[in-house]
N, C-alpha and C. Protein backbone atom coordinates (compact mmCIF):
# COMPACT_ATOMS: atom_id res chain seq x y z
N MET A 1 22.71 51.89 36.27
CA MET A 1 23.22 50.62 35.76
C MET A 1 22.09 49.77 35.20
N ILE A 2 22.40 49.06 34.10
CA ILE A 2 21.46 48.10 33.53
C ILE A 2 21.81 46.72 34.09
N GLU A 3 20.79 46.00 34.51
CA GLU A 3 21.03 44.65 35.02
C GLU A 3 20.01 43.69 34.42
N LEU A 4 20.52 42.64 33.80
CA LEU A 4 19.68 41.56 33.29
C LEU A 4 19.81 40.40 34.26
N LYS A 5 18.69 39.98 34.83
CA LYS A 5 18.72 39.00 35.91
C LYS A 5 17.92 37.75 35.54
N ASN A 6 18.62 36.63 35.51
CA ASN A 6 18.00 35.32 35.34
C ASN A 6 17.07 35.26 34.12
N LEU A 7 17.57 35.78 32.99
CA LEU A 7 16.75 35.77 31.78
C LEU A 7 16.67 34.36 31.20
N SER A 8 15.48 33.98 30.81
CA SER A 8 15.26 32.72 30.09
C SER A 8 14.38 33.01 28.90
N LYS A 9 14.73 32.43 27.76
CA LYS A 9 13.98 32.67 26.53
C LYS A 9 14.12 31.47 25.61
N SER A 10 13.02 31.05 25.02
CA SER A 10 13.06 29.97 24.04
C SER A 10 12.05 30.25 22.95
N TYR A 11 12.31 29.67 21.78
CA TYR A 11 11.37 29.69 20.67
C TYR A 11 10.96 28.25 20.42
N GLY A 12 9.80 27.87 20.91
CA GLY A 12 9.40 26.48 20.82
C GLY A 12 10.36 25.60 21.62
N ASP A 13 10.96 24.61 20.97
CA ASP A 13 11.91 23.72 21.64
C ASP A 13 13.33 24.27 21.65
N LYS A 14 13.56 25.37 20.95
CA LYS A 14 14.91 25.94 20.87
C LYS A 14 15.14 26.89 22.04
N ILE A 15 16.03 26.50 22.93
CA ILE A 15 16.35 27.32 24.09
C ILE A 15 17.44 28.32 23.72
N ILE A 16 17.18 29.59 23.94
CA ILE A 16 18.15 30.65 23.63
C ILE A 16 18.92 31.05 24.89
N TYR A 17 18.22 31.32 25.98
CA TYR A 17 18.84 31.71 27.24
C TYR A 17 18.23 30.95 28.40
N THR A 18 19.07 30.58 29.35
CA THR A 18 18.63 29.98 30.61
C THR A 18 19.36 30.66 31.76
N ASN A 19 18.61 31.38 32.58
CA ASN A 19 19.19 32.09 33.73
C ASN A 19 20.41 32.93 33.34
N PHE A 20 20.24 33.75 32.33
CA PHE A 20 21.31 34.61 31.82
C PHE A 20 21.38 35.88 32.65
N ASN A 21 22.61 36.28 33.01
CA ASN A 21 22.81 37.48 33.82
C ASN A 21 23.88 38.38 33.18
N LEU A 22 23.65 39.69 33.26
CA LEU A 22 24.61 40.64 32.71
C LEU A 22 24.39 42.01 33.34
N LYS A 23 25.49 42.73 33.61
CA LYS A 23 25.41 44.10 34.10
C LYS A 23 26.14 45.02 33.13
N ILE A 24 25.56 46.18 32.89
CA ILE A 24 26.14 47.18 31.98
C ILE A 24 26.12 48.52 32.69
N GLU A 25 27.28 49.18 32.72
CA GLU A 25 27.39 50.46 33.41
C GLU A 25 26.72 51.58 32.61
N ASP A 26 26.22 52.57 33.31
CA ASP A 26 25.63 53.73 32.65
C ASP A 26 26.67 54.42 31.78
N GLY A 27 26.29 54.78 30.56
CA GLY A 27 27.17 55.50 29.66
C GLY A 27 28.10 54.62 28.84
N GLU A 28 28.11 53.32 29.11
CA GLU A 28 28.97 52.41 28.36
C GLU A 28 28.46 52.21 26.93
N THR A 29 29.39 51.99 26.02
CA THR A 29 29.04 51.49 24.69
C THR A 29 29.52 50.04 24.64
N VAL A 30 28.58 49.13 24.48
CA VAL A 30 28.87 47.70 24.54
C VAL A 30 28.55 47.05 23.20
N ALA A 31 29.53 46.33 22.66
CA ALA A 31 29.33 45.58 21.42
C ALA A 31 29.06 44.13 21.76
N ILE A 32 28.07 43.54 21.09
CA ILE A 32 27.73 42.13 21.31
C ILE A 32 27.94 41.38 20.00
N LEU A 33 28.77 40.35 20.05
CA LEU A 33 29.08 39.53 18.89
C LEU A 33 28.76 38.07 19.18
N GLY A 34 28.79 37.26 18.12
CA GLY A 34 28.55 35.82 18.26
C GLY A 34 28.01 35.28 16.96
N ASN A 35 28.01 33.96 16.84
CA ASN A 35 27.53 33.31 15.63
C ASN A 35 26.05 33.62 15.38
N SER A 36 25.62 33.53 14.13
CA SER A 36 24.21 33.71 13.80
C SER A 36 23.37 32.72 14.59
N GLY A 37 22.28 33.22 15.16
CA GLY A 37 21.40 32.36 15.92
C GLY A 37 21.76 32.20 17.38
N CYS A 38 22.81 32.92 17.84
CA CYS A 38 23.25 32.76 19.23
C CYS A 38 22.41 33.58 20.20
N GLY A 39 21.57 34.47 19.68
CA GLY A 39 20.68 35.23 20.56
C GLY A 39 21.00 36.70 20.70
N LYS A 40 21.82 37.22 19.80
CA LYS A 40 22.21 38.64 19.89
C LYS A 40 21.00 39.56 19.75
N THR A 41 20.28 39.41 18.65
CA THR A 41 19.11 40.26 18.42
C THR A 41 18.02 39.97 19.44
N THR A 42 17.88 38.71 19.82
CA THR A 42 16.90 38.36 20.86
C THR A 42 17.19 39.11 22.14
N LEU A 43 18.47 39.25 22.49
CA LEU A 43 18.83 39.97 23.71
C LEU A 43 18.41 41.44 23.62
N LEU A 44 18.63 42.07 22.44
CA LEU A 44 18.16 43.45 22.26
C LEU A 44 16.64 43.52 22.39
N ASN A 45 15.95 42.56 21.79
CA ASN A 45 14.49 42.56 21.84
C ASN A 45 13.97 42.39 23.27
N ILE A 46 14.69 41.58 24.06
CA ILE A 46 14.32 41.43 25.46
C ILE A 46 14.49 42.76 26.20
N MET A 47 15.63 43.42 25.96
CA MET A 47 15.89 44.69 26.64
C MET A 47 14.90 45.77 26.23
N ALA A 48 14.39 45.67 25.00
CA ALA A 48 13.41 46.63 24.52
C ALA A 48 11.98 46.19 24.81
N ASN A 49 11.84 45.04 25.46
CA ASN A 49 10.51 44.48 25.77
C ASN A 49 9.68 44.25 24.51
N LEU A 50 10.37 43.78 23.46
CA LEU A 50 9.69 43.49 22.19
C LEU A 50 9.36 42.01 22.03
N THR A 51 9.73 41.22 23.02
CA THR A 51 9.43 39.79 22.99
C THR A 51 9.18 39.33 24.42
N ASP A 52 8.45 38.24 24.55
CA ASP A 52 8.19 37.71 25.88
C ASP A 52 9.43 36.98 26.40
N PHE A 53 9.60 36.96 27.72
CA PHE A 53 10.74 36.29 28.35
C PHE A 53 10.46 36.13 29.83
N ASN A 54 11.25 35.30 30.45
CA ASN A 54 11.22 35.17 31.90
C ASN A 54 12.47 35.81 32.47
N GLY A 55 12.35 36.41 33.62
CA GLY A 55 13.48 37.09 34.23
C GLY A 55 13.17 38.56 34.45
N GLU A 56 14.22 39.34 34.62
CA GLU A 56 14.04 40.74 34.98
C GLU A 56 15.06 41.62 34.27
N VAL A 57 14.60 42.75 33.74
CA VAL A 57 15.47 43.77 33.14
C VAL A 57 15.34 45.03 33.97
N ILE A 58 16.45 45.46 34.54
CA ILE A 58 16.46 46.62 35.43
C ILE A 58 17.28 47.75 34.79
N GLY A 59 16.77 48.96 34.85
CA GLY A 59 17.53 50.12 34.41
C GLY A 59 17.29 50.55 32.98
N ILE A 60 16.31 49.95 32.32
CA ILE A 60 15.96 50.35 30.95
C ILE A 60 14.50 50.75 30.91
N ASP A 61 14.24 51.96 30.50
CA ASP A 61 12.87 52.45 30.41
C ASP A 61 12.65 53.06 29.03
N ASN A 62 11.93 52.35 28.18
CA ASN A 62 11.55 52.88 26.87
C ASN A 62 12.77 53.31 26.04
N PRO A 63 13.67 52.38 25.70
CA PRO A 63 14.90 52.74 24.98
C PRO A 63 14.63 53.09 23.52
N SER A 64 15.58 53.78 22.90
CA SER A 64 15.52 53.97 21.45
C SER A 64 16.11 52.73 20.80
N PHE A 65 15.65 52.43 19.57
CA PHE A 65 16.06 51.19 18.91
C PHE A 65 16.37 51.48 17.45
N VAL A 66 17.58 51.14 17.02
CA VAL A 66 17.93 51.20 15.60
C VAL A 66 17.91 49.77 15.09
N PHE A 67 16.96 49.47 14.23
CA PHE A 67 16.81 48.12 13.71
C PHE A 67 17.82 47.85 12.60
N ALA A 68 17.98 46.56 12.27
CA ALA A 68 18.93 46.17 11.22
C ALA A 68 18.55 46.80 9.88
N GLU A 69 17.25 46.96 9.66
CA GLU A 69 16.80 47.64 8.45
C GLU A 69 16.26 49.02 8.84
N ASP A 70 16.41 49.98 7.93
CA ASP A 70 15.92 51.33 8.23
C ASP A 70 14.40 51.31 8.38
N ARG A 71 13.93 51.96 9.41
CA ARG A 71 12.48 52.04 9.64
C ARG A 71 12.04 53.49 9.75
N LEU A 72 12.55 54.30 8.84
CA LEU A 72 12.10 55.69 8.78
C LEU A 72 10.66 55.72 8.29
N LEU A 73 9.90 56.67 8.80
CA LEU A 73 8.51 56.79 8.37
C LEU A 73 8.49 57.35 6.95
N PRO A 74 7.99 56.59 5.96
CA PRO A 74 8.11 56.98 4.56
C PRO A 74 7.33 58.23 4.18
N HIS A 75 6.26 58.52 4.91
CA HIS A 75 5.42 59.67 4.58
C HIS A 75 5.87 60.95 5.28
N LYS A 76 6.96 60.87 6.03
CA LYS A 76 7.49 62.04 6.72
C LYS A 76 8.87 62.39 6.19
N THR A 77 9.19 63.68 6.18
CA THR A 77 10.50 64.12 5.73
C THR A 77 11.56 63.74 6.77
N VAL A 78 12.81 63.94 6.40
CA VAL A 78 13.91 63.67 7.34
C VAL A 78 13.69 64.44 8.64
N LYS A 79 13.44 65.74 8.53
CA LYS A 79 13.24 66.56 9.72
C LYS A 79 12.03 66.09 10.52
N GLU A 80 10.96 65.74 9.83
CA GLU A 80 9.75 65.28 10.51
C GLU A 80 9.98 63.94 11.21
N ASN A 81 10.81 63.08 10.63
CA ASN A 81 11.15 61.81 11.28
C ASN A 81 11.84 62.06 12.62
N LEU A 82 12.71 63.06 12.67
CA LEU A 82 13.40 63.37 13.92
C LEU A 82 12.47 64.04 14.92
N LEU A 83 11.67 64.99 14.43
CA LEU A 83 10.73 65.69 15.32
C LEU A 83 9.64 64.75 15.84
N PHE A 84 9.41 63.65 15.14
CA PHE A 84 8.40 62.69 15.56
C PHE A 84 8.77 62.07 16.91
N VAL A 85 10.08 61.95 17.18
CA VAL A 85 10.51 61.34 18.44
C VAL A 85 10.94 62.39 19.47
N ASN A 86 11.18 63.62 19.03
CA ASN A 86 11.58 64.67 19.98
C ASN A 86 11.35 66.04 19.36
N LYS A 87 10.32 66.72 19.84
CA LYS A 87 9.95 68.02 19.27
C LYS A 87 10.73 69.17 19.91
N VAL A 88 11.60 68.85 20.88
CA VAL A 88 12.30 69.89 21.62
C VAL A 88 13.70 70.15 21.06
N LYS A 89 14.41 69.10 20.68
CA LYS A 89 15.80 69.25 20.25
C LYS A 89 15.89 70.05 18.95
N ASP A 90 17.01 70.73 18.79
CA ASP A 90 17.26 71.52 17.58
C ASP A 90 17.75 70.57 16.49
N VAL A 91 16.81 69.94 15.79
CA VAL A 91 17.18 68.91 14.82
C VAL A 91 17.84 69.52 13.59
N SER A 92 17.51 70.75 13.26
CA SER A 92 18.16 71.40 12.11
C SER A 92 19.65 71.56 12.35
N TYR A 93 19.98 71.94 13.57
CA TYR A 93 21.39 72.07 13.94
C TYR A 93 22.08 70.72 13.87
N MET A 94 21.42 69.67 14.35
CA MET A 94 22.01 68.34 14.34
C MET A 94 22.19 67.84 12.91
N LEU A 95 21.23 68.11 12.06
CA LEU A 95 21.34 67.70 10.66
C LEU A 95 22.49 68.43 9.97
N GLU A 96 22.67 69.69 10.32
CA GLU A 96 23.78 70.46 9.75
C GLU A 96 25.13 69.86 10.18
N LYS A 97 25.21 69.43 11.45
CA LYS A 97 26.44 68.86 11.97
C LYS A 97 26.83 67.57 11.25
N VAL A 98 25.85 66.84 10.73
CA VAL A 98 26.15 65.57 10.06
C VAL A 98 26.02 65.66 8.54
N GLY A 99 25.96 66.89 8.02
CA GLY A 99 25.96 67.07 6.58
C GLY A 99 24.66 66.74 5.88
N LEU A 100 23.54 66.83 6.61
CA LEU A 100 22.25 66.49 6.00
C LEU A 100 21.25 67.64 6.04
N LYS A 101 21.73 68.84 6.36
CA LYS A 101 20.82 69.98 6.47
C LYS A 101 20.05 70.22 5.18
N GLU A 102 20.71 70.06 4.04
CA GLU A 102 20.03 70.32 2.77
C GLU A 102 19.02 69.25 2.41
N TYR A 103 19.02 68.16 3.20
CA TYR A 103 18.07 67.07 2.93
C TYR A 103 16.95 67.01 3.98
N GLU A 104 16.83 68.04 4.81
CA GLU A 104 15.86 67.98 5.90
C GLU A 104 14.43 67.85 5.40
N ASN A 105 14.16 68.33 4.19
CA ASN A 105 12.80 68.23 3.64
C ASN A 105 12.65 67.08 2.64
N ALA A 106 13.69 66.26 2.54
CA ALA A 106 13.62 65.10 1.64
C ALA A 106 12.89 63.95 2.34
N TYR A 107 12.30 63.07 1.54
CA TYR A 107 11.63 61.89 2.07
C TYR A 107 12.60 60.71 2.03
N PRO A 108 12.37 59.70 2.87
CA PRO A 108 13.30 58.57 2.96
C PRO A 108 13.64 57.92 1.61
N LYS A 109 12.67 57.85 0.70
CA LYS A 109 12.93 57.22 -0.59
C LYS A 109 13.92 58.01 -1.44
N GLU A 110 14.14 59.27 -1.08
CA GLU A 110 15.07 60.13 -1.82
C GLU A 110 16.49 60.08 -1.25
N LEU A 111 16.69 59.31 -0.18
CA LEU A 111 17.99 59.24 0.49
C LEU A 111 18.80 58.04 0.01
N SER A 112 20.11 58.19 0.02
CA SER A 112 20.98 57.04 -0.22
C SER A 112 20.97 56.15 1.02
N THR A 113 21.53 54.95 0.90
CA THR A 113 21.59 54.03 2.04
C THR A 113 22.33 54.67 3.21
N GLY A 114 23.46 55.31 2.92
CA GLY A 114 24.24 55.93 3.98
C GLY A 114 23.50 57.06 4.66
N MET A 115 22.79 57.89 3.88
CA MET A 115 22.02 58.98 4.46
C MET A 115 20.93 58.45 5.37
N ALA A 116 20.25 57.41 4.90
CA ALA A 116 19.16 56.84 5.70
C ALA A 116 19.68 56.27 7.01
N ARG A 117 20.87 55.64 6.98
CA ARG A 117 21.43 55.10 8.21
C ARG A 117 21.81 56.24 9.16
N ARG A 118 22.35 57.32 8.61
CA ARG A 118 22.70 58.46 9.47
C ARG A 118 21.46 59.03 10.15
N VAL A 119 20.38 59.12 9.40
CA VAL A 119 19.13 59.64 9.97
C VAL A 119 18.62 58.69 11.05
N SER A 120 18.72 57.38 10.80
CA SER A 120 18.26 56.40 11.78
C SER A 120 19.04 56.50 13.09
N VAL A 121 20.36 56.63 12.98
CA VAL A 121 21.20 56.76 14.17
C VAL A 121 20.92 58.08 14.88
N LEU A 122 20.79 59.15 14.09
CA LEU A 122 20.51 60.46 14.67
C LEU A 122 19.17 60.45 15.39
N ARG A 123 18.19 59.76 14.82
CA ARG A 123 16.87 59.67 15.45
C ARG A 123 16.96 58.98 16.82
N ALA A 124 17.85 57.97 16.90
CA ALA A 124 18.03 57.28 18.18
C ALA A 124 18.61 58.21 19.23
N PHE A 125 19.51 59.12 18.80
CA PHE A 125 20.07 60.10 19.73
C PHE A 125 19.03 61.16 20.10
N CYS A 126 18.14 61.48 19.17
CA CYS A 126 17.10 62.48 19.45
C CYS A 126 16.06 61.97 20.43
N TYR A 127 15.83 60.67 20.40
CA TYR A 127 14.78 60.09 21.25
C TYR A 127 15.12 60.31 22.73
N ASP A 128 14.12 60.66 23.51
CA ASP A 128 14.33 61.00 24.91
C ASP A 128 14.44 59.74 25.76
N SER A 129 15.60 59.13 25.69
CA SER A 129 15.88 57.93 26.48
C SER A 129 17.38 57.90 26.77
N SER A 130 17.75 57.31 27.88
CA SER A 130 19.17 57.23 28.24
C SER A 130 19.84 55.99 27.66
N VAL A 131 19.06 55.12 26.99
CA VAL A 131 19.60 53.86 26.47
C VAL A 131 19.26 53.71 24.99
N MET A 132 20.28 53.36 24.20
CA MET A 132 20.09 53.07 22.78
C MET A 132 20.43 51.61 22.52
N LEU A 133 19.59 50.94 21.75
CA LEU A 133 19.83 49.57 21.31
C LEU A 133 19.95 49.59 19.79
N LEU A 134 21.04 49.04 19.26
CA LEU A 134 21.30 49.13 17.82
C LEU A 134 21.62 47.74 17.26
N ASP A 135 20.85 47.31 16.29
CA ASP A 135 21.04 45.99 15.68
C ASP A 135 21.76 46.15 14.34
N GLU A 136 23.04 45.86 14.34
CA GLU A 136 23.89 45.97 13.15
C GLU A 136 23.69 47.31 12.43
N PRO A 137 23.95 48.41 13.12
CA PRO A 137 23.66 49.73 12.54
C PRO A 137 24.55 50.12 11.36
N PHE A 138 25.67 49.43 11.16
CA PHE A 138 26.60 49.82 10.10
C PHE A 138 26.69 48.79 8.97
N ARG A 139 25.75 47.88 8.91
CA ARG A 139 25.83 46.84 7.88
C ARG A 139 25.39 47.38 6.52
N ASN A 140 25.82 46.69 5.48
CA ASN A 140 25.47 47.03 4.09
C ASN A 140 25.97 48.41 3.67
N LEU A 141 27.05 48.87 4.29
CA LEU A 141 27.66 50.14 3.91
C LEU A 141 29.05 49.88 3.35
N ASP A 142 29.46 50.67 2.35
CA ASP A 142 30.83 50.51 1.88
C ASP A 142 31.78 50.98 2.97
N LEU A 143 33.04 50.59 2.84
CA LEU A 143 34.00 50.78 3.92
C LEU A 143 34.15 52.24 4.34
N ALA A 144 34.29 53.13 3.36
CA ALA A 144 34.49 54.55 3.67
C ALA A 144 33.28 55.11 4.41
N LEU A 145 32.09 54.77 3.92
CA LEU A 145 30.87 55.29 4.54
C LEU A 145 30.68 54.71 5.93
N LYS A 146 31.04 53.44 6.10
CA LYS A 146 30.91 52.82 7.42
C LYS A 146 31.75 53.56 8.46
N TYR A 147 32.99 53.90 8.10
CA TYR A 147 33.85 54.61 9.06
C TYR A 147 33.36 56.03 9.30
N LYS A 148 32.80 56.66 8.28
CA LYS A 148 32.23 57.99 8.48
C LYS A 148 31.07 57.93 9.48
N LEU A 149 30.24 56.90 9.33
CA LEU A 149 29.09 56.77 10.20
C LEU A 149 29.52 56.40 11.62
N MET A 150 30.55 55.56 11.75
CA MET A 150 31.04 55.23 13.08
C MET A 150 31.65 56.45 13.76
N ASP A 151 32.38 57.27 12.98
CA ASP A 151 32.93 58.52 13.54
C ASP A 151 31.80 59.46 13.95
N PHE A 152 30.75 59.50 13.16
CA PHE A 152 29.57 60.30 13.48
C PHE A 152 28.94 59.82 14.79
N PHE A 153 28.84 58.50 14.95
CA PHE A 153 28.31 57.93 16.18
C PHE A 153 29.14 58.37 17.38
N LEU A 154 30.46 58.28 17.25
CA LEU A 154 31.35 58.65 18.35
C LEU A 154 31.25 60.14 18.68
N GLU A 155 31.07 60.97 17.66
CA GLU A 155 30.93 62.41 17.88
C GLU A 155 29.66 62.71 18.66
N LEU A 156 28.55 62.05 18.27
CA LEU A 156 27.30 62.26 18.98
C LEU A 156 27.39 61.74 20.41
N LYS A 157 28.10 60.63 20.58
CA LYS A 157 28.20 60.01 21.90
C LYS A 157 28.96 60.90 22.89
N LYS A 158 29.91 61.69 22.38
CA LYS A 158 30.66 62.60 23.25
C LYS A 158 29.73 63.67 23.83
N VAL A 159 28.76 64.08 23.04
CA VAL A 159 27.84 65.14 23.47
C VAL A 159 26.71 64.56 24.32
N ASP A 160 26.13 63.47 23.85
CA ASP A 160 24.97 62.86 24.51
C ASP A 160 25.39 61.49 25.01
N LYS A 161 25.78 61.40 26.25
CA LYS A 161 26.44 60.20 26.78
C LYS A 161 25.44 59.10 27.16
N LYS A 162 24.68 58.67 26.17
CA LYS A 162 23.72 57.60 26.38
C LYS A 162 24.46 56.26 26.54
N THR A 163 23.81 55.33 27.19
CA THR A 163 24.28 53.95 27.19
C THR A 163 23.90 53.34 25.84
N ALA A 164 24.85 52.70 25.17
CA ALA A 164 24.60 52.15 23.84
C ALA A 164 25.00 50.68 23.81
N ILE A 165 24.10 49.84 23.35
CA ILE A 165 24.36 48.41 23.22
C ILE A 165 24.08 48.05 21.77
N PHE A 166 25.12 47.57 21.07
CA PHE A 166 24.90 47.29 19.65
C PHE A 166 25.41 45.91 19.27
N VAL A 167 24.68 45.31 18.35
CA VAL A 167 25.01 43.99 17.81
C VAL A 167 25.78 44.16 16.52
N THR A 168 26.83 43.37 16.35
CA THR A 168 27.61 43.40 15.12
C THR A 168 28.24 42.03 14.87
N HIS A 169 28.55 41.75 13.60
CA HIS A 169 29.33 40.57 13.25
C HIS A 169 30.80 40.93 13.03
N ASP A 170 31.10 42.22 13.07
CA ASP A 170 32.40 42.72 12.65
C ASP A 170 33.25 43.10 13.87
N PRO A 171 34.33 42.35 14.16
CA PRO A 171 35.17 42.69 15.31
C PRO A 171 35.83 44.06 15.19
N ASP A 172 36.10 44.49 13.96
CA ASP A 172 36.70 45.81 13.77
C ASP A 172 35.74 46.90 14.21
N GLU A 173 34.46 46.78 13.85
CA GLU A 173 33.45 47.73 14.31
C GLU A 173 33.40 47.75 15.84
N ALA A 174 33.45 46.56 16.42
CA ALA A 174 33.31 46.43 17.87
C ALA A 174 34.40 47.21 18.60
N VAL A 175 35.66 46.99 18.22
CA VAL A 175 36.75 47.64 18.96
C VAL A 175 36.90 49.11 18.56
N TYR A 176 36.34 49.49 17.41
CA TYR A 176 36.46 50.88 16.96
C TYR A 176 35.60 51.82 17.79
N ILE A 177 34.40 51.38 18.16
CA ILE A 177 33.51 52.32 18.84
C ILE A 177 33.09 51.88 20.25
N ALA A 178 33.35 50.63 20.62
CA ALA A 178 32.85 50.15 21.91
C ALA A 178 33.85 50.41 23.04
N ASP A 179 33.32 50.52 24.25
CA ASP A 179 34.13 50.54 25.46
C ASP A 179 34.34 49.12 25.98
N ARG A 180 33.45 48.25 25.57
CA ARG A 180 33.44 46.88 26.11
C ARG A 180 32.89 45.95 25.03
N VAL A 181 33.47 44.76 24.92
CA VAL A 181 33.06 43.80 23.90
C VAL A 181 32.67 42.49 24.57
N ILE A 182 31.52 41.96 24.15
CA ILE A 182 30.99 40.71 24.69
C ILE A 182 30.74 39.74 23.54
N VAL A 183 31.12 38.48 23.72
CA VAL A 183 30.82 37.44 22.74
C VAL A 183 29.90 36.42 23.38
N LEU A 184 28.82 36.09 22.68
CA LEU A 184 27.85 35.11 23.15
C LEU A 184 28.02 33.79 22.42
N GLU A 185 27.78 32.71 23.15
CA GLU A 185 27.76 31.37 22.54
C GLU A 185 26.83 30.49 23.37
N ASP A 186 25.85 29.90 22.69
CA ASP A 186 24.90 29.00 23.36
C ASP A 186 24.26 29.64 24.59
N GLY A 187 23.93 30.91 24.47
CA GLY A 187 23.23 31.59 25.55
C GLY A 187 24.10 31.98 26.72
N ASN A 188 25.41 31.94 26.53
CA ASN A 188 26.33 32.31 27.61
C ASN A 188 27.37 33.32 27.11
N VAL A 189 27.91 34.10 28.03
CA VAL A 189 29.01 35.02 27.71
C VAL A 189 30.31 34.24 27.76
N VAL A 190 31.01 34.18 26.61
CA VAL A 190 32.28 33.45 26.56
C VAL A 190 33.47 34.40 26.45
N PHE A 191 33.19 35.69 26.30
CA PHE A 191 34.25 36.70 26.23
C PHE A 191 33.65 38.02 26.67
N ASP A 192 34.34 38.71 27.57
CA ASP A 192 33.85 39.98 28.09
C ASP A 192 35.07 40.81 28.46
N GLU A 193 35.35 41.83 27.66
CA GLU A 193 36.58 42.60 27.88
C GLU A 193 36.31 44.08 27.68
N ARG A 194 36.73 44.87 28.63
CA ARG A 194 36.72 46.33 28.47
C ARG A 194 37.97 46.73 27.69
N ILE A 195 37.78 47.59 26.73
CA ILE A 195 38.86 47.91 25.79
C ILE A 195 39.76 49.01 26.36
N LYS A 196 41.02 48.67 26.50
CA LYS A 196 42.04 49.64 26.90
C LYS A 196 43.00 49.88 25.75
N ASP A 197 43.43 48.80 25.12
CA ASP A 197 44.28 48.87 23.94
C ASP A 197 43.52 48.21 22.79
N ARG A 198 43.15 49.00 21.78
CA ARG A 198 42.25 48.49 20.74
C ARG A 198 42.89 47.38 19.91
N GLU A 199 44.16 47.50 19.62
CA GLU A 199 44.82 46.45 18.85
C GLU A 199 44.86 45.14 19.63
N GLU A 200 45.18 45.24 20.91
CA GLU A 200 45.21 44.04 21.74
C GLU A 200 43.83 43.41 21.87
N SER A 201 42.82 44.25 22.08
CA SER A 201 41.45 43.74 22.19
C SER A 201 40.99 43.09 20.90
N PHE A 202 41.37 43.70 19.75
CA PHE A 202 41.00 43.12 18.46
C PHE A 202 41.61 41.73 18.32
N ASN A 203 42.87 41.58 18.68
CA ASN A 203 43.54 40.28 18.57
C ASN A 203 42.92 39.26 19.52
N ASN A 204 42.59 39.69 20.74
CA ASN A 204 41.94 38.78 21.69
C ASN A 204 40.58 38.35 21.18
N LEU A 205 39.83 39.31 20.63
CA LEU A 205 38.51 39.03 20.12
C LEU A 205 38.59 38.09 18.91
N LYS A 206 39.54 38.33 18.04
CA LYS A 206 39.70 37.49 16.85
C LYS A 206 39.98 36.04 17.23
N LYS A 207 40.83 35.85 18.25
CA LYS A 207 41.14 34.50 18.70
C LYS A 207 39.90 33.76 19.18
N ILE A 208 39.08 34.47 19.92
CA ILE A 208 37.83 33.85 20.42
C ILE A 208 36.90 33.49 19.28
N LEU A 209 36.74 34.41 18.31
CA LEU A 209 35.82 34.20 17.20
C LEU A 209 36.31 33.08 16.29
N ILE A 210 37.61 33.02 16.04
CA ILE A 210 38.18 31.95 15.20
C ILE A 210 38.02 30.61 15.89
N LYS A 211 38.26 30.60 17.21
CA LYS A 211 38.16 29.37 17.98
C LYS A 211 36.74 28.81 17.93
N LYS A 212 35.78 29.75 17.89
CA LYS A 212 34.38 29.33 17.83
C LYS A 212 34.08 28.70 16.47
């Protein structure tokens, strides 16, 4: 289990979190939503130990991180980018499963936006960690490609049951792939629901977001 205990974080005079607490079950996929500036990305950065904070993070050791922008190594091929984080896994097989086998020797600059995002997500699954943190992994994609990538994420998740925590602005994305949806406001959780009926959860989530 992941446990965030009494987290406090501020940027100068701007307070983001004060004694924030949250528990996440192993293997859960959790979507985090909220207005811009509410601390979504900051929370991922805290969990990844990429920023200073007060409090305690339990149950996360060296997680994989998919940033909002692709951060593939430009001087390495697609296959080399994956092998850079895990030299043991059969990355050729994984690339074949996601339709990128013929691009394994291509460099990031030769990839389309969708291909690059698929490689970024696949790299997070290749990384030897039980926890993945994803900051808007499906943004800037056309609708068809976004759903293909979300289906790809779900397919990988069935095989490799990592705990996944992702930030999104899109309630449809949240209920499509998450087991649980959380909405943040002013450093507090104002909505926390495990998804049983996706249509019902979408409507509940929409009400909260509109109300905000």
